[in-house]
Amino acid sequence: MINKSKNTHKVLLFAAVLASVLFIGHCATFHHGYNMKGSILKQKGNEYYICIGTKDGAKEGQVYNVYSYHERRTDADTSNYLQREYIGAIKITRIVFEHYAKAVLVSGRAGMHDIVELK
């Protein structure tokens, strides 16, 4: 009887750990797909790492528009709360991973947390 109880406990513990791992993996995918996608993650001089990769159809040589978002405090309770502003363009120089790419500034400016979209 004790042996059966220990086995049941092990199975339940394994199931809980497996469910946790699957949930965390799903959350990471959700976070990347909806919160980070298109974001400039890192800047080093004229080089940028962006959260767009082969899974998003990115290819070397593609040019992306860069947008910055600003709060409009006077419109805090309206649909005009965030103002989108075109600030430049970047070009993908290398795909780093299925989710990331390296790019260089082509025109204008760009910085951390700005958003890029394919022209």
Protein backbone atom coordinates (compact mmCIF):
# COMPACT_ATOMS: atom_id res chain seq x y z
CA MET A 1 0.00 0.00 0.00
CA ILE A 2 2.82 2.42 0.83
CA ASN A 3 4.57 1.62 -2.48
CA LYS A 4 1.39 2.36 -4.44
CA SER A 5 1.00 5.72 -2.67
CA LYS A 6 4.60 6.68 -3.47
CA ASN A 7 4.08 5.84 -7.15
CA THR A 8 0.89 7.89 -7.28
CA HIS A 9 2.72 10.81 -5.66
CA LYS A 10 5.55 10.53 -8.22
CA VAL A 11 3.10 10.45 -11.14
CA LEU A 12 1.22 13.50 -9.84
CA LEU A 13 4.49 15.37 -9.25
CA PHE A 14 5.70 14.52 -12.76
CA ALA A 15 2.38 15.66 -14.25
CA ALA A 16 2.55 18.95 -12.34
CA VAL A 17 6.12 19.62 -13.49
CA LEU A 18 5.27 18.75 -17.10
CA ALA A 19 2.20 21.02 -17.07
CA SER A 20 4.30 23.86 -15.64
CA VAL A 21 6.98 23.48 -18.32
CA LEU A 22 4.39 23.43 -21.11
CA PHE A 23 2.62 26.48 -19.67
CA ILE A 24 5.86 28.48 -19.36
CA GLY A 25 6.82 27.54 -22.93
CA HIS A 26 3.43 28.69 -24.19
CA CYS A 27 3.76 31.98 -22.29
CA ALA A 28 7.18 32.62 -23.86
CA THR A 29 5.72 32.01 -27.32
CA PHE A 30 2.79 34.30 -26.56
CA HIS A 31 5.13 37.01 -25.22
CA HIS A 32 7.32 36.85 -28.33
CA GLY A 33 4.47 36.72 -30.79
CA TYR A 34 2.43 39.55 -29.36
CA ASN A 35 4.57 41.72 -27.10
CA MET A 36 8.03 41.68 -28.67
CA LYS A 37 7.43 41.07 -32.36
CA GLY A 38 8.88 43.92 -34.37
CA SER A 39 10.68 45.51 -31.44
CA ILE A 40 14.25 46.75 -31.53
CA LEU A 41 15.85 44.72 -28.75
CA LYS A 42 19.43 45.96 -28.79
CA GLN A 43 21.48 48.71 -30.38
CA LYS A 44 25.25 48.79 -30.71
CA GLY A 45 26.42 51.76 -32.78
CA ASN A 46 24.73 51.53 -36.18
CA GLU A 47 23.75 47.87 -35.67
CA TYR A 48 20.41 46.73 -34.31
CA TYR A 49 18.94 43.42 -33.18
CA ILE A 50 15.25 43.18 -33.99
CA CYS A 51 12.61 40.71 -32.94
CA ILE A 52 11.77 39.53 -36.44
CA GLY A 53 13.18 36.34 -37.93
CA THR A 54 12.52 33.59 -40.40
CA LYS A 55 9.29 32.62 -38.63
CA ASP A 56 8.01 36.08 -39.55
CA GLY A 57 9.21 35.85 -43.17
CA ALA A 58 12.30 38.01 -42.64
CA LYS A 59 15.08 37.82 -45.25
CA GLU A 60 18.45 39.48 -45.60
CA GLY A 61 18.19 42.73 -47.56
CA GLN A 62 14.63 43.59 -46.51
CA VAL A 63 14.08 47.19 -45.46
CA TYR A 64 11.81 47.98 -42.51
CA ASN A 65 10.23 51.27 -41.50
CA VAL A 66 10.95 52.33 -37.92
CA TYR A 67 8.21 53.85 -35.77
CA SER A 68 8.25 55.39 -32.34
CA TYR A 69 5.23 55.71 -30.09
CA HIS A 70 4.55 58.67 -27.83
CA GLU A 71 1.93 59.20 -25.16
CA ARG A 72 -0.51 62.04 -25.63
CA ARG A 73 -1.49 62.78 -22.06
CA THR A 74 -4.18 65.22 -23.17
CA ASP A 75 -5.94 62.31 -24.92
CA ALA A 76 -5.45 59.77 -22.14
CA ASP A 77 -9.01 58.45 -22.31
CA THR A 78 -9.32 58.36 -26.09
CA SER A 79 -8.16 56.20 -28.98
CA ASN A 80 -5.56 58.92 -29.76
CA TYR A 81 -3.64 58.20 -26.54
CA LEU A 82 -0.64 56.76 -28.42
CA GLN A 83 0.78 58.65 -31.36
CA ARG A 84 2.77 56.68 -33.93
CA GLU A 85 5.62 58.52 -35.63
CA TYR A 86 7.76 57.35 -38.56
CA ILE A 87 11.41 58.00 -37.62
CA GLY A 88 13.58 56.03 -40.06
CA ALA A 89 14.39 52.78 -41.84
CA ILE A 90 16.63 49.79 -41.18
CA LYS A 91 17.84 46.97 -43.42
CA ILE A 92 18.32 43.35 -42.36
CA THR A 93 21.92 42.26 -42.81
CA ARG A 94 21.76 38.83 -41.20
CA ILE A 95 19.16 36.46 -39.81
CA VAL A 96 20.35 35.49 -36.33
CA PHE A 97 17.71 32.94 -35.40
CA GLU A 98 14.17 32.09 -36.39
CA HIS A 99 12.96 34.90 -34.13
CA TYR A 100 15.72 37.53 -34.49
CA ALA A 101 17.68 39.46 -37.10
CA LYS A 102 20.58 41.89 -37.23
CA ALA A 103 20.06 45.17 -39.12
CA VAL A 104 21.73 48.50 -39.91
CA LEU A 105 20.28 51.98 -40.03
CA VAL A 106 19.48 53.11 -43.58
CA SER A 107 17.93 56.50 -42.83
CA GLY A 108 16.62 58.59 -39.97
CA ARG A 109 17.04 57.21 -36.49
CA ALA A 110 16.07 54.19 -34.43
CA GLY A 111 16.44 53.12 -30.83
CA MET A 112 15.61 50.54 -28.22
CA HIS A 113 11.93 49.61 -28.04
CA ASP A 114 11.02 51.31 -31.31
CA ILE A 115 8.87 49.17 -33.62
CA VAL A 116 9.80 48.02 -37.14
CA GLU A 117 7.44 47.02 -39.94
CA LEU A 118 8.19 45.78 -43.45
CA LYS A 119 7.93 48.57 -46.05
